[in-house]
Amino acid sequence: MSNDQDGNIMSAMLWMFIVSLLLFWLPFIGPLIAGIVGGTKAGGVGSALLAVFLPGLLFGIGLFFLASFVSGLPVIGVVAAAGGVTFALANVGPLLLGAIIGAVIA
């Protein structure tokens, strides 16, 4: 797959998201497979890394603002967001490893 195609990072993020949702019940293997699939769609290691970290960053920011808005108290929002970010970070390790593997074999 060549790096000059439009939407490589977006398609990689979408594939990682869909496969992660489908394989959520596999604790380590599910994100690893999702990362491999997304890494091959990204085409390169740099694009694969961006495809892994950009959704995680956006998810953490969105979760913070949503939790603050729903609770009405920023301190409660921070605590709720920290719990969600912890779950997201547990998923990023295998997803990152899989993305690097997928980008290298693509």
PDB file of N, CA and C in Angstrom:
ATOM      1  N   MET A   1       0.847  -1.170   0.000  1.00  0.00           N
ATOM      2  CA  MET A   1       0.000   0.000   0.000  1.00  0.00           C
ATOM      3  C   MET A   1       0.894   1.234   0.000  1.00  0.00           C
ATOM      4  N   SER A   2       0.614   2.190  -0.820  1.00  0.00           N
ATOM      5  CA  SER A   2       1.446   3.380  -0.912  1.00  0.00           C
ATOM      6  C   SER A   2       0.972   4.446   0.069  1.00  0.00           C
ATOM      7  N   ASN A   3       1.893   5.322   0.447  1.00  0.00           N
ATOM      8  CA  ASN A   3       1.593   6.360   1.414  1.00  0.00           C
ATOM      9  C   ASN A   3       0.925   7.575   0.795  1.00  0.00           C
ATOM     10  N   ASP A   4       0.779   7.644  -0.515  1.00  0.00           N
ATOM     11  CA  ASP A   4       0.234   8.838  -1.140  1.00  0.00           C
ATOM     12  C   ASP A   4      -1.281   8.802  -1.297  1.00  0.00           C
ATOM     13  N   GLN A   5      -1.947   7.804  -0.772  1.00  0.00           N
ATOM     14  CA  GLN A   5      -3.399   7.741  -0.847  1.00  0.00           C
ATOM     15  C   GLN A   5      -4.007   8.703   0.168  1.00  0.00           C
ATOM     16  N   ASP A   6      -5.166   9.276  -0.194  1.00  0.00           N
ATOM     17  CA  ASP A   6      -5.864  10.164   0.724  1.00  0.00           C
ATOM     18  C   ASP A   6      -6.617   9.345   1.761  1.00  0.00           C
ATOM     19  N   GLY A   7      -6.617   9.822   2.992  1.00  0.00           N
ATOM     20  CA  GLY A   7      -7.405   9.197   4.038  1.00  0.00           C
ATOM     21  C   GLY A   7      -6.795   7.959   4.657  1.00  0.00           C
ATOM     22  N   ASN A   8      -5.497   7.764   4.536  1.00  0.00           N
ATOM     23  CA  ASN A   8      -4.874   6.587   5.141  1.00  0.00           C
ATOM     24  C   ASN A   8      -5.020   6.575   6.652  1.00  0.00           C
ATOM     25  N   ILE A   9      -4.793   7.710   7.278  1.00  0.00           N
ATOM     26  CA  ILE A   9      -4.871   7.780   8.733  1.00  0.00           C
ATOM     27  C   ILE A   9      -6.318   7.637   9.182  1.00  0.00           C
ATOM     28  N   MET A  10      -7.228   8.276   8.469  1.00  0.00           N
ATOM     29  CA  MET A  10      -8.641   8.179   8.832  1.00  0.00           C
ATOM     30  C   MET A  10      -9.158   6.739   8.668  1.00  0.00           C
ATOM     31  N   SER A  11      -8.784   6.088   7.583  1.00  0.00           N
ATOM     32  CA  SER A  11      -9.232   4.704   7.396  1.00  0.00           C
ATOM     33  C   SER A  11      -8.594   3.793   8.435  1.00  0.00           C
ATOM     34  N   ALA A  12      -7.345   4.050   8.799  1.00  0.00           N
ATOM     35  CA  ALA A  12      -6.688   3.241   9.824  1.00  0.00           C
ATOM     36  C   ALA A  12      -7.378   3.416  11.173  1.00  0.00           C
ATOM     37  N   MET A  13      -7.733   4.667  11.520  1.00  0.00           N
ATOM     38  CA  MET A  13      -8.439   4.901  12.774  1.00  0.00           C
ATOM     39  C   MET A  13      -9.802   4.212  12.772  1.00  0.00           C
ATOM     40  N   LEU A  14     -10.491   4.286  11.648  1.00  0.00           N
ATOM     41  CA  LEU A  14     -11.802   3.664  11.550  1.00  0.00           C
ATOM     42  C   LEU A  14     -11.704   2.142  11.686  1.00  0.00           C
ATOM     43  N   TRP A  15     -10.751   1.541  11.013  1.00  0.00           N
ATOM     44  CA  TRP A  15     -10.569   0.091  11.113  1.00  0.00           C
ATOM     45  C   TRP A  15     -10.177  -0.322  12.525  1.00  0.00           C
ATOM     46  N   MET A  16      -9.281   0.443  13.156  1.00  0.00           N
ATOM     47  CA  MET A  16      -8.894   0.117  14.533  1.00  0.00           C
ATOM     48  C   MET A  16     -10.092   0.199  15.467  1.00  0.00           C
ATOM     49  N   PHE A  17     -10.918   1.211  15.266  1.00  0.00           N
ATOM     50  CA  PHE A  17     -12.097   1.385  16.109  1.00  0.00           C
ATOM     51  C   PHE A  17     -13.083   0.235  15.930  1.00  0.00           C
ATOM     52  N   ILE A  18     -13.382  -0.099  14.700  1.00  0.00           N
ATOM     53  CA  ILE A  18     -14.365  -1.152  14.427  1.00  0.00           C
ATOM     54  C   ILE A  18     -13.878  -2.509  14.928  1.00  0.00           C
ATOM     55  N   VAL A  19     -12.638  -2.846  14.621  1.00  0.00           N
ATOM     56  CA  VAL A  19     -12.109  -4.152  15.053  1.00  0.00           C
ATOM     57  C   VAL A  19     -11.980  -4.207  16.571  1.00  0.00           C
ATOM     58  N   SER A  20     -11.620  -3.088  17.209  1.00  0.00           N
ATOM     59  CA  SER A  20     -11.556  -3.055  18.671  1.00  0.00           C
ATOM     60  C   SER A  20     -12.925  -3.288  19.285  1.00  0.00           C
ATOM     61  N   LEU A  21     -13.945  -2.691  18.687  1.00  0.00           N
ATOM     62  CA  LEU A  21     -15.299  -2.901  19.193  1.00  0.00           C
ATOM     63  C   LEU A  21     -15.744  -4.350  19.021  1.00  0.00           C
ATOM     64  N   LEU A  22     -15.397  -4.940  17.898  1.00  0.00           N
ATOM     65  CA  LEU A  22     -15.807  -6.315  17.646  1.00  0.00           C
ATOM     66  C   LEU A  22     -15.056  -7.325  18.514  1.00  0.00           C
ATOM     67  N   LEU A  23     -13.813  -7.003  18.854  1.00  0.00           N
ATOM     68  CA  LEU A  23     -12.982  -7.935  19.632  1.00  0.00           C
ATOM     69  C   LEU A  23     -12.728  -7.448  21.055  1.00  0.00           C
ATOM     70  N   PHE A  24     -13.663  -6.676  21.618  1.00  0.00           N
ATOM     71  CA  PHE A  24     -13.477  -6.144  22.964  1.00  0.00           C
ATOM     72  C   PHE A  24     -13.366  -7.243  24.013  1.00  0.00           C
ATOM     73  N   TRP A  25     -13.904  -8.397  23.754  1.00  0.00           N
ATOM     74  CA  TRP A  25     -13.935  -9.473  24.720  1.00  0.00           C
ATOM     75  C   TRP A  25     -12.614 -10.229  24.811  1.00  0.00           C
ATOM     76  N   LEU A  26     -11.663  -9.923  23.946  1.00  0.00           N
ATOM     77  CA  LEU A  26     -10.322 -10.514  24.027  1.00  0.00           C
ATOM     78  C   LEU A  26      -9.378  -9.478  24.646  1.00  0.00           C
ATOM     79  N   PRO A  27      -8.972  -9.632  25.894  1.00  0.00           N
ATOM     80  CA  PRO A  27      -8.263  -8.567  26.605  1.00  0.00           C
ATOM     81  C   PRO A  27      -6.996  -8.053  25.927  1.00  0.00           C
ATOM     82  N   PHE A  28      -6.088  -8.864  25.507  1.00  0.00           N
ATOM     83  CA  PHE A  28      -4.847  -8.391  24.896  1.00  0.00           C
ATOM     84  C   PHE A  28      -4.843  -8.617  23.389  1.00  0.00           C
ATOM     85  N   ILE A  29      -5.394  -9.717  22.963  1.00  0.00           N
ATOM     86  CA  ILE A  29      -5.358 -10.110  21.555  1.00  0.00           C
ATOM     87  C   ILE A  29      -6.244  -9.209  20.695  1.00  0.00           C
ATOM     88  N   GLY A  30      -7.397  -8.781  21.219  1.00  0.00           N
ATOM     89  CA  GLY A  30      -8.316  -7.941  20.451  1.00  0.00           C
ATOM     90  C   GLY A  30      -7.678  -6.624  19.998  1.00  0.00           C
ATOM     91  N   PRO A  31      -7.114  -5.832  20.928  1.00  0.00           N
ATOM     92  CA  PRO A  31      -6.452  -4.599  20.496  1.00  0.00           C
ATOM     93  C   PRO A  31      -5.221  -4.855  19.619  1.00  0.00           C
ATOM     94  N   LEU A  32      -4.532  -5.964  19.871  1.00  0.00           N
ATOM     95  CA  LEU A  32      -3.367  -6.294  19.046  1.00  0.00           C
ATOM     96  C   LEU A  32      -3.791  -6.544  17.603  1.00  0.00           C
ATOM     97  N   ILE A  33      -4.853  -7.311  17.400  1.00  0.00           N
ATOM     98  CA  ILE A  33      -5.351  -7.574  16.050  1.00  0.00           C
ATOM     99  C   ILE A  33      -5.856  -6.285  15.412  1.00  0.00           C
ATOM    100  N   ALA A  34      -6.559  -5.457  16.199  1.00  0.00           N
ATOM    101  CA  ALA A  34      -7.048  -4.176  15.680  1.00  0.00           C
ATOM    102  C   ALA A  34      -5.889  -3.283  15.261  1.00  0.00           C
ATOM    103  N   GLY A  35      -4.818  -3.293  16.030  1.00  0.00           N
ATOM    104  CA  GLY A  35      -3.643  -2.501  15.681  1.00  0.00           C
ATOM    105  C   GLY A  35      -2.961  -3.003  14.423  1.00  0.00           C
ATOM    106  N   ILE A  36      -2.893  -4.309  14.264  1.00  0.00           N
ATOM    107  CA  ILE A  36      -2.277  -4.870  13.059  1.00  0.00           C
ATOM    108  C   ILE A  36      -3.089  -4.491  11.826  1.00  0.00           C
ATOM    109  N   VAL A  37      -4.408  -4.608  11.923  1.00  0.00           N
ATOM    110  CA  VAL A  37      -5.265  -4.250  10.789  1.00  0.00           C
ATOM    111  C   VAL A  37      -5.137  -2.761  10.480  1.00  0.00           C
ATOM    112  N   GLY A  38      -5.204  -1.921  11.510  1.00  0.00           N
ATOM    113  CA  GLY A  38      -5.077  -0.475  11.308  1.00  0.00           C
ATOM    114  C   GLY A  38      -3.702  -0.074  10.818  1.00  0.00           C
ATOM    115  N   GLY A  39      -2.668  -0.748  11.310  1.00  0.00           N
ATOM    116  CA  GLY A  39      -1.309  -0.440  10.865  1.00  0.00           C
ATOM    117  C   GLY A  39      -1.089  -0.749   9.401  1.00  0.00           C
ATOM    118  N   THR A  40      -1.706  -1.831   8.928  1.00  0.00           N
ATOM    119  CA  THR A  40      -1.583  -2.137   7.499  1.00  0.00           C
ATOM    120  C   THR A  40      -2.365  -1.131   6.658  1.00  0.00           C
ATOM    121  N   LYS A  41      -3.482  -0.635   7.180  1.00  0.00           N
ATOM    122  CA  LYS A  41      -4.252   0.380   6.453  1.00  0.00           C
ATOM    123  C   LYS A  41      -3.539   1.729   6.452  1.00  0.00           C
ATOM    124  N   ALA A  42      -2.768   2.017   7.499  1.00  0.00           N
ATOM    125  CA  ALA A  42      -2.064   3.296   7.588  1.00  0.00           C
ATOM    126  C   ALA A  42      -0.935   3.380   6.575  1.00  0.00           C
ATOM    127  N   GLY A  43      -0.274   2.292   6.326  1.00  0.00           N
ATOM    128  CA  GLY A  43       0.768   2.276   5.307  1.00  0.00           C
ATOM    129  C   GLY A  43       2.173   2.533   5.817  1.00  0.00           C
ATOM    130  N   GLY A  44       2.337   3.314   6.856  1.00  0.00           N
ATOM    131  CA  GLY A  44       3.659   3.610   7.382  1.00  0.00           C
ATOM    132  C   GLY A  44       3.618   3.669   8.901  1.00  0.00           C
ATOM    133  N   VAL A  45       4.793   3.604   9.515  1.00  0.00           N
ATOM    134  CA  VAL A  45       4.866   3.586  10.972  1.00  0.00           C
ATOM    135  C   VAL A  45       4.399   4.924  11.548  1.00  0.00           C
ATOM    136  N   GLY A  46       4.781   6.033  10.933  1.00  0.00           N
ATOM    137  CA  GLY A  46       4.364   7.344  11.422  1.00  0.00           C
ATOM    138  C   GLY A  46       2.860   7.527  11.358  1.00  0.00           C
ATOM    139  N   SER A  47       2.273   7.133  10.264  1.00  0.00           N
ATOM    140  CA  SER A  47       0.815   7.222  10.130  1.00  0.00           C
ATOM    141  C   SER A  47       0.118   6.289  11.105  1.00  0.00           C
ATOM    142  N   ALA A  48       0.687   5.124  11.335  1.00  0.00           N
ATOM    143  CA  ALA A  48       0.093   4.172  12.277  1.00  0.00           C
ATOM    144  C   ALA A  48       0.144   4.721  13.702  1.00  0.00           C
ATOM    145  N   LEU A  49       1.251   5.353  14.076  1.00  0.00           N
ATOM    146  CA  LEU A  49       1.351   5.940  15.411  1.00  0.00           C
ATOM    147  C   LEU A  49       0.342   7.061  15.598  1.00  0.00           C
ATOM    148  N   LEU A  50       0.182   7.877  14.572  1.00  0.00           N
ATOM    149  CA  LEU A  50      -0.810   8.945  14.639  1.00  0.00           C
ATOM    150  C   LEU A  50      -2.218   8.378  14.722  1.00  0.00           C
ATOM    151  N   ALA A  51      -2.472   7.307  14.012  1.00  0.00           N
ATOM    152  CA  ALA A  51      -3.792   6.677  14.031  1.00  0.00           C
ATOM    153  C   ALA A  51      -4.101   6.053  15.391  1.00  0.00           C
ATOM    154  N   VAL A  52      -3.090   5.675  16.144  1.00  0.00           N
ATOM    155  CA  VAL A  52      -3.312   5.108  17.477  1.00  0.00           C
ATOM    156  C   VAL A  52      -3.551   6.209  18.500  1.00  0.00           C
ATOM    157  N   PHE A  53      -2.713   7.234  18.490  1.00  0.00           N
ATOM    158  CA  PHE A  53      -2.754   8.227  19.562  1.00  0.00           C
ATOM    159  C   PHE A  53      -3.780   9.327  19.367  1.00  0.00           C
ATOM    160  N   LEU A  54      -4.116   9.676  18.154  1.00  0.00           N
ATOM    161  CA  LEU A  54      -5.081  10.749  17.928  1.00  0.00           C
ATOM    162  C   LEU A  54      -6.468  10.405  18.484  1.00  0.00           C
ATOM    163  N   PRO A  55      -7.020   9.210  18.223  1.00  0.00           N
ATOM    164  CA  PRO A  55      -8.327   8.899  18.827  1.00  0.00           C
ATOM    165  C   PRO A  55      -8.278   8.832  20.351  1.00  0.00           C
ATOM    166  N   GLY A  56      -7.188   8.330  20.900  1.00  0.00           N
ATOM    167  CA  GLY A  56      -7.065   8.269  22.349  1.00  0.00           C
ATOM    168  C   GLY A  56      -7.039   9.646  22.981  1.00  0.00           C
ATOM    169  N   LEU A  57      -6.335  10.558  22.354  1.00  0.00           N
ATOM    170  CA  LEU A  57      -6.267  11.932  22.850  1.00  0.00           C
ATOM    171  C   LEU A  57      -7.635  12.609  22.743  1.00  0.00           C
ATOM    172  N   LEU A  58      -8.286  12.454  21.605  1.00  0.00           N
ATOM    173  CA  LEU A  58      -9.614  13.044  21.428  1.00  0.00           C
ATOM    174  C   LEU A  58     -10.627  12.428  22.383  1.00  0.00           C
ATOM    175  N   PHE A  59     -10.528  11.128  22.631  1.00  0.00           N
ATOM    176  CA  PHE A  59     -11.423  10.456  23.565  1.00  0.00           C
ATOM    177  C   PHE A  59     -11.231  10.993  24.980  1.00  0.00           C
ATOM    178  N   GLY A  60      -9.993  11.167  25.401  1.00  0.00           N
ATOM    179  CA  GLY A  60      -9.719  11.686  26.748  1.00  0.00           C
ATOM    180  C   GLY A  60     -10.232  13.102  26.940  1.00  0.00           C
ATOM    181  N   ILE A  61     -10.018  13.954  25.950  1.00  0.00           N
ATOM    182  CA  ILE A  61     -10.497  15.338  26.034  1.00  0.00           C
ATOM    183  C   ILE A  61     -12.024  15.376  26.028  1.00  0.00           C
ATOM    184  N   GLY A  62     -12.625  14.614  25.129  1.00  0.00           N
ATOM    185  CA  GLY A  62     -14.087  14.577  25.067  1.00  0.00           C
ATOM    186  C   GLY A  62     -14.706  14.025  26.334  1.00  0.00           C
ATOM    187  N   LEU A  63     -14.098  12.994  26.904  1.00  0.00           N
ATOM    188  CA  LEU A  63     -14.608  12.403  28.134  1.00  0.00           C
ATOM    189  C   LEU A  63     -14.518  13.388  29.293  1.00  0.00           C
ATOM    190  N   PHE A  64     -13.454  14.148  29.352  1.00  0.00           N
ATOM    191  CA  PHE A  64     -13.313  15.143  30.412  1.00  0.00           C
ATOM    192  C   PHE A  64     -14.414  16.191  30.331  1.00  0.00           C
ATOM    193  N   PHE A  65     -14.632  16.736  29.138  1.00  0.00           N
ATOM    194  CA  PHE A  65     -15.643  17.772  29.003  1.00  0.00           C
ATOM    195  C   PHE A  65     -17.055  17.226  29.182  1.00  0.00           C
ATOM    196  N   LEU A  66     -17.306  16.025  28.682  1.00  0.00           N
ATOM    197  CA  LEU A  66     -18.626  15.436  28.837  1.00  0.00           C
ATOM    198  C   LEU A  66     -18.923  15.122  30.301  1.00  0.00           C
ATOM    199  N   ALA A  67     -17.959  14.562  31.005  1.00  0.00           N
ATOM    200  CA  ALA A  67     -18.168  14.242  32.418  1.00  0.00           C
ATOM    201  C   ALA A  67     -18.324  15.510  33.242  1.00  0.00           C
ATOM    202  N   SER A  68     -17.586  16.562  32.922  1.00  0.00           N
ATOM    203  CA  SER A  68     -17.734  17.829  33.635  1.00  0.00           C
ATOM    204  C   SER A  68     -19.096  18.452  33.364  1.00  0.00           C
ATOM    205  N   PHE A  69     -19.556  18.347  32.130  1.00  0.00           N
ATOM    206  CA  PHE A  69     -20.844  18.922  31.756  1.00  0.00           C
ATOM    207  C   PHE A  69     -21.995  18.176  32.414  1.00  0.00           C
ATOM    208  N   VAL A  70     -21.936  16.861  32.420  1.00  0.00           N
ATOM    209  CA  VAL A  70     -23.023  16.061  32.975  1.00  0.00           C
ATOM    210  C   VAL A  70     -23.089  16.207  34.492  1.00  0.00           C
ATOM    211  N   SER A  71     -21.953  16.213  35.158  1.00  0.00           N
ATOM    212  CA  SER A  71     -21.964  16.287  36.616  1.00  0.00           C
ATOM    213  C   SER A  71     -22.168  17.720  37.114  1.00  0.00           C
ATOM    214  N   GLY A  72     -21.763  18.706  36.351  1.00  0.00           N
ATOM    215  CA  GLY A  72     -21.882  20.095  36.784  1.00  0.00           C
ATOM    216  C   GLY A  72     -20.754  20.535  37.692  1.00  0.00           C
ATOM    217  N   LEU A  73     -19.923  19.611  38.102  1.00  0.00           N
ATOM    218  CA  LEU A  73     -18.798  19.928  38.976  1.00  0.00           C
ATOM    219  C   LEU A  73     -17.508  19.488  38.290  1.00  0.00           C
ATOM    220  N   PRO A  74     -16.596  20.406  38.087  1.00  0.00           N
ATOM    221  CA  PRO A  74     -15.347  20.036  37.396  1.00  0.00           C
ATOM    222  C   PRO A  74     -14.531  18.961  38.120  1.00  0.00           C
ATOM    223  N   VAL A  75     -14.563  18.960  39.454  1.00  0.00           N
ATOM    224  CA  VAL A  75     -13.774  17.967  40.203  1.00  0.00           C
ATOM    225  C   VAL A  75     -14.323  16.557  39.956  1.00  0.00           C
ATOM    226  N   ILE A  76     -15.637  16.411  39.955  1.00  0.00           N
ATOM    227  CA  ILE A  76     -16.249  15.115  39.670  1.00  0.00           C
ATOM    228  C   ILE A  76     -15.961  14.710  38.228  1.00  0.00           C
ATOM    229  N   GLY A  77     -15.958  15.688  37.332  1.00  0.00           N
ATOM    230  CA  GLY A  77     -15.629  15.420  35.934  1.00  0.00           C
ATOM    231  C   GLY A  77     -14.219  14.897  35.769  1.00  0.00           C
ATOM    232  N   VAL A  78     -13.291  15.450  36.529  1.00  0.00           N
ATOM    233  CA  VAL A  78     -11.898  14.994  36.461  1.00  0.00           C
ATOM    234  C   VAL A  78     -11.783  13.557  36.946  1.00  0.00           C
ATOM    235  N   VAL A  79     -12.467  13.224  38.023  1.00  0.00           N
ATOM    236  CA  VAL A  79     -12.414  11.858  38.558  1.00  0.00           C
ATOM    237  C   VAL A  79     -13.035  10.867  37.572  1.00  0.00           C
ATOM    238  N   ALA A  80     -14.174  11.233  37.001  1.00  0.00           N
ATOM    239  CA  ALA A  80     -14.826  10.346  36.035  1.00  0.00           C
ATOM    240  C   ALA A  80     -13.984  10.195  34.777  1.00  0.00           C
ATOM    241  N   ALA A  81     -13.405  11.290  34.324  1.00  0.00           N
ATOM    242  CA  ALA A  81     -12.558  11.227  33.128  1.00  0.00           C
ATOM    243  C   ALA A  81     -11.304  10.394  33.383  1.00  0.00           C
ATOM    244  N   ALA A  82     -10.759  10.468  34.589  1.00  0.00           N
ATOM    245  CA  ALA A  82      -9.565   9.689  34.912  1.00  0.00           C
ATOM    246  C   ALA A  82      -9.857   8.199  34.833  1.00  0.00           C
ATOM    247  N   GLY A  83     -11.044   7.786  35.260  1.00  0.00           N
ATOM    248  CA  GLY A  83     -11.413   6.375  35.149  1.00  0.00           C
ATOM    249  C   GLY A  83     -11.521   5.932  33.703  1.00  0.00           C
ATOM    250  N   GLY A  84     -12.132   6.760  32.870  1.00  0.00           N
ATOM    251  CA  GLY A  84     -12.252   6.427  31.448  1.00  0.00           C
ATOM    252  C   GLY A  84     -10.922   6.424  30.740  1.00  0.00           C
ATOM    253  N   VAL A  85     -10.060   7.355  31.093  1.00  0.00           N
ATOM    254  CA  VAL A  85      -8.731   7.422  30.474  1.00  0.00           C
ATOM    255  C   VAL A  85      -7.904   6.205  30.881  1.00  0.00           C
ATOM    256  N   THR A  86      -8.085   5.717  32.103  1.00  0.00           N
ATOM    257  CA  THR A  86      -7.374   4.518  32.543  1.00  0.00           C
ATOM    258  C   THR A  86      -7.746   3.317  31.679  1.00  0.00           C
ATOM    259  N   PHE A  87      -9.039   3.175  31.391  1.00  0.00           N
ATOM    260  CA  PHE A  87      -9.464   2.089  30.516  1.00  0.00           C
ATOM    261  C   PHE A  87      -8.925   2.274  29.100  1.00  0.00           C
ATOM    262  N   ALA A  88      -8.885   3.503  28.622  1.00  0.00           N
ATOM    263  CA  ALA A  88      -8.368   3.773  27.278  1.00  0.00           C
ATOM    264  C   ALA A  88      -6.872   3.457  27.204  1.00  0.00           C
ATOM    265  N   LEU A  89      -6.124   3.827  28.240  1.00  0.00           N
ATOM    266  CA  LEU A  89      -4.680   3.561  28.253  1.00  0.00           C
ATOM    267  C   LEU A  89      -4.378   2.069  28.319  1.00  0.00           C
ATOM    268  N   ALA A  90      -5.230   1.303  28.957  1.00  0.00           N
ATOM    269  CA  ALA A  90      -5.036  -0.147  28.999  1.00  0.00           C
ATOM    270  C   ALA A  90      -5.168  -0.752  27.610  1.00  0.00           C
ATOM    271  N   ASN A  91      -5.897  -0.085  26.737  1.00  0.00           N
ATOM    272  CA  ASN A  91      -6.114  -0.562  25.382  1.00  0.00           C
ATOM    273  C   ASN A  91      -5.025  -0.077  24.416  1.00  0.00           C
ATOM    274  N   VAL A  92      -4.338   1.013  24.755  1.00  0.00           N
ATOM    275  CA  VAL A  92      -3.388   1.627  23.830  1.00  0.00           C
ATOM    276  C   VAL A  92      -2.120   0.805  23.661  1.00  0.00           C
ATOM    277  N   GLY A  93      -1.652   0.142  24.703  1.00  0.00           N
ATOM    278  CA  GLY A  93      -0.408  -0.625  24.607  1.00  0.00           C
ATOM    279  C   GLY A  93      -0.440  -1.697  23.533  1.00  0.00           C
ATOM    280  N   PRO A  94      -1.385  -2.639  23.609  1.00  0.00           N
ATOM    281  CA  PRO A  94      -1.459  -3.655  22.561  1.00  0.00           C
ATOM    282  C   PRO A  94      -1.827  -3.075  21.196  1.00  0.00           C
ATOM    283  N   LEU A  95      -2.644  -2.017  21.191  1.00  0.00           N
ATOM    284  CA  LEU A  95      -3.018  -1.379  19.931  1.00  0.00           C
ATOM    285  C   LEU A  95      -1.793  -0.754  19.269  1.00  0.00           C
ATOM    286  N   LEU A  96      -0.941  -0.122  20.062  1.00  0.00           N
ATOM    287  CA  LEU A  96       0.293   0.478  19.541  1.00  0.00           C
ATOM    288  C   LEU A  96       1.248  -0.591  19.014  1.00  0.00           C
ATOM    289  N   LEU A  97       1.413  -1.668  19.760  1.00  0.00           N
ATOM    290  CA  LEU A  97       2.281  -2.753  19.321  1.00  0.00           C
ATOM    291  C   LEU A  97       1.772  -3.355  18.007  1.00  0.00           C
ATOM    292  N   GLY A  98       0.470  -3.581  17.940  1.00  0.00           N
ATOM    293  CA  GLY A  98      -0.110  -4.119  16.717  1.00  0.00           C
ATOM    294  C   GLY A  98       0.006  -3.160  15.545  1.00  0.00           C
ATOM    295  N   ALA A  99      -0.149  -1.848  15.796  1.00  0.00           N
ATOM    296  CA  ALA A  99      -0.023  -0.869  14.715  1.00  0.00           C
ATOM    297  C   ALA A  99       1.387  -0.846  14.151  1.00  0.00           C
ATOM    298  N   ILE A 100       2.366  -0.946  15.007  1.00  0.00           N
ATOM    299  CA  ILE A 100       3.763  -0.963  14.543  1.00  0.00           C
ATOM    300  C   ILE A 100       4.028  -2.235  13.741  1.00  0.00           C
ATOM    301  N   ILE A 101       3.562  -3.362  14.236  1.00  0.00           N
ATOM    302  CA  ILE A 101       3.730  -4.629  13.498  1.00  0.00           C
ATOM    303  C   ILE A 101       3.029  -4.560  12.147  1.00  0.00           C
ATOM    304  N   GLY A 102       1.791  -4.068  12.134  1.00  0.00           N
ATOM    305  CA  GLY A 102       1.040  -3.972  10.886  1.00  0.00           C
ATOM    306  C   GLY A 102       1.671  -3.026   9.889  1.00  0.00           C
ATOM    307  N   ALA A 103       2.228  -1.906  10.371  1.00  0.00           N
ATOM    308  CA  ALA A 103       2.875  -0.954   9.476  1.00  0.00           C
ATOM    309  C   ALA A 103       4.161  -1.519   8.881  1.00  0.00           C
ATOM    310  N   VAL A 104       4.867  -2.311   9.676  1.00  0.00           N
ATOM    311  CA  VAL A 104       6.127  -2.886   9.201  1.00  0.00           C
ATOM    312  C   VAL A 104       5.862  -3.961   8.157  1.00  0.00           C
ATOM    313  N   ILE A 105       4.825  -4.774   8.355  1.00  0.00           N
ATOM    314  CA  ILE A 105       4.574  -5.854   7.395  1.00  0.00           C
ATOM    315  C   ILE A 105       3.809  -5.391   6.158  1.00  0.00           C
ATOM    316  N   ALA A 106       3.287  -4.157   6.175  1.00  0.00           N
ATOM    317  CA  ALA A 106       2.521  -3.663   5.019  1.00  0.00           C
ATOM    318  C   ALA A 106       3.436  -3.313   3.868  1.00  0.00           C
TER     319      ALA A 106
END
